[in-house]
């Protein structure tokens, strides 16, 4: 039944089926249920060039997607994520239909506090839903939260291995060019540590399709000041490679 609203984005239908539903496509199952989604193309390139991963599945179409598996750990797959909830979380629903039930996300995001240094790891506890995708999966709310048990497993592993991190929520937005000073200050006041474009959507799909999902985002560029500071966040090759390798171990902890 549809809950009516003056605003279409807030009209929620609790019907679990849909006209286009990947769970009705009888998709071939993956060889494993463990998947890493990363936003680090140079890491993927290195893994391929060093013959560390091999193709698990190719999804064709206008926006093709390749899923790989690690040769030394064939029970873990990896794919390069697409930007934004509809692309990244939409693909994640297809991956879930193919049998992915343990998913670890790693990427970077803009810090809302200049004191968060480049490379600081944030274990994602949830997200502010400042986008449209999640409102067709989960009833309207200001926040959406990652499963606490998964958050505790991730943070416990990091603590055990003496890897510094912080826990907190992100601000998920659709509009990278509308991160105004006032909105940055408001989201920061609401508890967000980092701004990004996928977490609310991925968390929503995990809840809707009932699988395990965790995420680590490292502090990248700085959007907390009057002028944007890239801080060369996308050139931190060592941080990015190490984070992928960390997620390769973490996804087995779920």
Protein backbone atom coordinates (compact mmCIF):
# COMPACT_ATOMS: atom_id res chain seq x y z
CA UNK A 1 0.00 0.00 0.00
CA UNK A 2 1.28 3.46 -0.89
CA UNK A 3 1.65 6.07 1.84
CA UNK A 4 0.68 9.34 0.16
CA UNK A 5 2.65 12.57 0.48
CA UNK A 6 2.74 16.02 -1.04
CA UNK A 7 6.26 15.16 -2.17
CA UNK A 8 6.75 12.18 -4.53
CA UNK A 9 10.10 11.23 -2.99
CA UNK A 10 8.32 10.60 0.33
CA UNK A 11 5.59 8.35 -1.11
CA UNK A 12 6.48 4.90 0.19
CA UNK A 13 5.02 1.64 -1.15
CA UNK A 14 5.38 -1.35 1.19
CA UNK A 15 4.84 -3.87 -1.66
CA UNK A 16 8.03 -6.00 -1.62
CA UNK A 17 7.71 -6.82 -5.33
CA UNK A 18 8.38 -4.53 -8.29
CA UNK A 19 7.91 -4.62 -12.05
CA UNK A 20 11.70 -4.86 -12.51
CA UNK A 21 13.04 -7.19 -9.83
CA UNK A 22 16.48 -8.85 -10.14
CA UNK A 23 15.45 -11.54 -7.65
CA UNK A 24 13.00 -12.86 -10.28
CA UNK A 25 15.60 -13.12 -13.05
CA UNK A 26 17.04 -16.52 -12.03
CA UNK A 27 20.57 -15.11 -12.17
CA UNK A 28 23.50 -17.50 -11.95
CA UNK A 29 24.91 -17.49 -8.44
CA UNK A 30 28.41 -16.25 -7.70
CA UNK A 31 31.02 -18.79 -6.65
CA UNK A 32 31.19 -17.10 -3.22
CA UNK A 33 29.05 -14.80 -1.08
CA UNK A 34 31.81 -12.36 0.00
CA UNK A 35 32.25 -9.11 -1.94
CA UNK A 36 34.30 -5.92 -1.63
CA UNK A 37 33.06 -2.76 -3.33
CA UNK A 38 35.88 -0.27 -3.78
CA UNK A 39 36.16 3.17 -5.36
CA UNK A 40 39.88 2.94 -6.03
CA UNK A 41 40.39 2.30 -9.78
CA UNK A 42 44.19 2.43 -9.55
CA UNK A 43 44.11 -0.39 -6.98
CA UNK A 44 41.96 -2.49 -9.27
CA UNK A 45 44.35 -1.75 -12.14
CA UNK A 46 47.35 -2.86 -10.07
CA UNK A 47 45.61 -6.04 -8.93
CA UNK A 48 44.86 -6.93 -12.55
CA UNK A 49 48.34 -6.08 -13.81
CA UNK A 50 49.92 -8.12 -11.02
CA UNK A 51 47.66 -11.07 -11.85
CA UNK A 52 46.18 -11.09 -8.34
CA UNK A 53 42.53 -11.20 -9.43
CA UNK A 54 40.58 -12.98 -12.14
CA UNK A 55 37.15 -12.40 -13.67
CA UNK A 56 34.20 -13.89 -11.81
CA UNK A 57 31.34 -12.32 -13.78
CA UNK A 58 30.78 -9.67 -16.44
CA UNK A 59 27.51 -7.77 -16.50
CA UNK A 60 26.98 -6.14 -19.90
CA UNK A 61 24.74 -3.29 -20.96
CA UNK A 62 25.20 0.46 -21.17
CA UNK A 63 27.01 0.54 -17.84
CA UNK A 64 29.00 -2.71 -17.75
CA UNK A 65 30.26 -4.09 -14.46
CA UNK A 66 33.02 -6.61 -13.84
CA UNK A 67 33.26 -8.73 -10.70
CA UNK A 68 36.62 -10.30 -9.90
CA UNK A 69 37.82 -12.81 -7.31
CA UNK A 70 41.21 -12.93 -5.61
CA UNK A 71 43.39 -15.78 -6.85
CA UNK A 72 44.96 -16.36 -3.45
CA UNK A 73 41.56 -16.08 -1.73
CA UNK A 74 38.92 -17.17 -4.24
CA UNK A 75 36.23 -16.92 -1.55
CA UNK A 76 36.48 -13.09 -1.76
CA UNK A 77 35.31 -11.04 -4.78
CA UNK A 78 35.95 -7.40 -5.59
CA UNK A 79 34.35 -4.84 -7.91
CA UNK A 80 34.73 -1.17 -8.71
CA UNK A 81 31.77 0.84 -7.48
CA UNK A 82 29.80 3.40 -9.46
CA UNK A 83 29.15 6.89 -8.07
CA UNK A 84 25.82 7.60 -6.39
CA UNK A 85 23.13 5.51 -4.75
CA UNK A 86 21.18 4.52 -7.89
CA UNK A 87 24.32 3.19 -9.59
CA UNK A 88 26.24 1.75 -6.64
CA UNK A 89 23.37 0.50 -4.48
CA UNK A 90 21.30 -0.44 -7.53
CA UNK A 91 24.11 -2.73 -8.68
CA UNK A 92 24.41 -4.05 -5.14
CA UNK A 93 20.84 -5.32 -5.32
CA UNK A 94 21.76 -7.28 -8.45
CA UNK A 95 24.83 -8.66 -6.67
CA UNK A 96 22.61 -9.73 -3.79
CA UNK A 97 20.36 -11.55 -6.26
CA UNK A 98 23.50 -13.40 -7.41
CA UNK A 99 24.19 -14.57 -3.86
CA UNK A 100 26.36 -11.87 -2.28
CA UNK A 101 25.45 -11.88 1.42
CA UNK A 102 28.59 -10.43 3.02
CA UNK A 103 29.62 -7.07 1.58
CA UNK A 104 32.40 -4.68 2.61
CA UNK A 105 32.62 -1.19 1.13
CA UNK A 106 35.77 0.96 1.03
CA UNK A 107 36.06 4.45 -0.37
CA UNK A 108 36.94 8.04 0.42
CA UNK A 109 34.84 11.05 1.34
CA UNK A 110 35.00 14.73 2.11
CA UNK A 111 35.62 15.57 5.75
CA UNK A 112 33.30 17.99 7.52
CA UNK A 113 35.92 18.82 10.13
CA UNK A 114 39.41 19.99 9.13
CA UNK A 115 40.84 18.18 12.16
CA UNK A 116 40.06 14.84 10.52
CA UNK A 117 43.35 14.10 8.80
CA UNK A 118 43.74 12.60 5.35
CA UNK A 119 43.67 8.83 5.67
CA UNK A 120 41.70 8.71 8.92
CA UNK A 121 39.43 5.63 8.78
CA UNK A 122 35.74 6.01 9.56
CA UNK A 123 33.76 2.88 10.39
CA UNK A 124 30.32 3.81 9.09
CA UNK A 125 27.60 3.55 11.73
CA UNK A 126 24.92 5.05 9.51
CA UNK A 127 24.05 7.92 7.21
CA UNK A 128 21.89 11.02 6.92
CA UNK A 129 19.47 10.30 4.06
CA UNK A 130 19.91 13.42 1.93
CA UNK A 131 19.17 11.60 -1.34
CA UNK A 132 16.19 10.04 -3.08
CA UNK A 133 17.08 6.38 -3.63
CA UNK A 134 16.48 5.01 -0.13
CA UNK A 135 12.94 6.36 0.14
CA UNK A 136 11.67 3.63 -2.19
CA UNK A 137 13.18 0.89 0.00
CA UNK A 138 12.90 2.10 3.59
CA UNK A 139 10.18 4.30 5.09
CA UNK A 140 11.12 7.99 5.40
CA UNK A 141 13.45 8.88 8.27
CA UNK A 142 16.31 11.29 8.75
CA UNK A 143 18.91 8.61 9.49
CA UNK A 144 19.57 5.03 8.44
CA UNK A 145 21.90 2.82 10.46
CA UNK A 146 24.37 0.04 9.71
CA UNK A 147 23.80 -3.18 11.65
CA UNK A 148 25.42 -2.69 15.07
CA UNK A 149 26.79 -6.21 15.17
CA UNK A 150 28.68 -5.62 11.92
CA UNK A 151 30.00 -2.26 13.14
CA UNK A 152 31.23 -3.92 16.32
CA UNK A 153 32.95 -6.72 14.40
CA UNK A 154 34.76 -4.23 12.18
CA UNK A 155 35.81 -1.89 14.98
CA UNK A 156 36.78 -4.87 17.17
CA UNK A 157 39.02 -6.26 14.42
CA UNK A 158 40.67 -2.87 13.93
CA UNK A 159 41.23 -2.48 17.66
CA UNK A 160 42.67 -5.98 17.94
CA UNK A 161 45.13 -5.25 15.13
CA UNK A 162 45.94 -1.78 16.50
CA UNK A 163 44.58 0.04 13.42
CA UNK A 164 43.39 3.54 14.43
CA UNK A 165 39.87 4.49 13.41
CA UNK A 166 36.84 6.46 14.43
CA UNK A 167 33.17 5.49 14.28
CA UNK A 168 30.35 7.73 13.12
CA UNK A 169 27.77 8.59 10.52
CA UNK A 170 28.12 10.06 7.05
CA UNK A 171 26.08 12.55 5.07
CA UNK A 172 24.86 10.88 1.87
CA UNK A 173 23.96 13.40 -0.82
CA UNK A 174 23.07 13.22 -4.52
CA UNK A 175 24.48 16.64 -5.29
CA UNK A 176 28.23 17.13 -4.97
CA UNK A 177 27.97 20.71 -6.23
CA UNK A 178 25.37 21.76 -3.62
CA UNK A 179 27.40 21.16 -0.48
CA UNK A 180 26.85 24.71 0.73
CA UNK A 181 28.55 26.16 3.78
CA UNK A 182 25.26 26.21 5.70
CA UNK A 183 24.48 22.58 4.84
CA UNK A 184 27.98 21.48 5.78
CA UNK A 185 27.59 23.14 9.18
CA UNK A 186 24.11 21.66 9.69
CA UNK A 187 25.14 18.10 8.78
CA UNK A 188 28.22 18.43 10.99
CA UNK A 189 25.98 19.54 13.86
CA UNK A 190 23.81 16.45 13.24
CA UNK A 191 26.84 14.23 13.77
CA UNK A 192 28.11 13.54 10.25
CA UNK A 193 31.89 13.16 9.95
CA UNK A 194 32.21 12.71 6.18
CA UNK A 195 30.12 13.52 3.11
CA UNK A 196 29.78 10.89 0.38
CA UNK A 197 27.23 9.64 -2.16
CA UNK A 198 26.54 5.93 -1.58
CA UNK A 199 26.25 4.86 2.04
CA UNK A 200 22.56 5.47 2.72
CA UNK A 201 21.68 3.53 -0.42
CA UNK A 202 23.95 0.57 0.30
CA UNK A 203 22.71 0.33 3.89
CA UNK A 204 19.11 0.46 2.65
CA UNK A 205 19.66 -2.41 0.19
CA UNK A 206 21.34 -4.48 2.91
CA UNK A 207 18.35 -3.94 5.19
CA UNK A 208 15.80 -4.56 2.44
CA UNK A 209 17.47 -7.73 1.14
CA UNK A 210 18.68 -8.94 4.57
CA UNK A 211 22.41 -9.38 4.09
CA UNK A 212 25.51 -8.28 6.02
CA UNK A 213 27.02 -4.94 5.06
CA UNK A 214 29.85 -2.87 6.47
CA UNK A 215 31.82 0.14 5.27
CA UNK A 216 35.04 2.01 5.94
CA UNK A 217 35.59 5.43 4.40
CA UNK A 218 38.85 7.30 4.72
CA UNK A 219 39.01 11.05 5.24
CA UNK A 220 39.85 12.68 1.93
CA UNK A 221 39.23 16.20 0.71
CA UNK A 222 38.15 18.97 3.09
CA UNK A 223 34.77 20.67 2.52
CA UNK A 224 34.64 22.28 5.95
CA UNK A 225 36.35 25.55 4.97
CA UNK A 226 35.36 28.51 2.81
CA UNK A 227 37.41 27.08 -0.05
CA UNK A 228 37.51 23.42 -1.09
CA UNK A 229 40.81 21.73 -0.27
CA UNK A 230 41.42 18.53 -2.25
CA UNK A 231 44.36 17.63 0.03
CA UNK A 232 45.44 15.37 -2.88
CA UNK A 233 43.07 12.80 -1.40
CA UNK A 234 42.85 10.68 -4.56
CA UNK A 235 46.66 10.35 -4.82
CA UNK A 236 47.05 8.45 -1.53
CA UNK A 237 47.86 5.17 -3.25
CA UNK A 238 49.30 3.45 -0.18
CA UNK A 239 46.28 4.22 1.98
CA UNK A 240 43.90 3.05 -0.70
CA UNK A 241 45.69 -0.24 -1.42
CA UNK A 242 46.03 -1.02 2.28
CA UNK A 243 42.33 -0.32 2.83
CA UNK A 244 41.35 -2.81 0.12
CA UNK A 245 43.61 -5.44 1.67
CA UNK A 246 42.11 -4.69 5.08
CA UNK A 247 38.59 -5.14 3.72
CA UNK A 248 39.66 -8.45 2.20
CA UNK A 249 40.23 -9.69 5.74
CA UNK A 250 37.26 -7.92 7.30
CA UNK A 251 34.65 -9.38 4.94
CA UNK A 252 35.56 -12.85 6.24
CA UNK A 253 34.75 -11.75 9.80
CA UNK A 254 31.02 -11.28 9.13
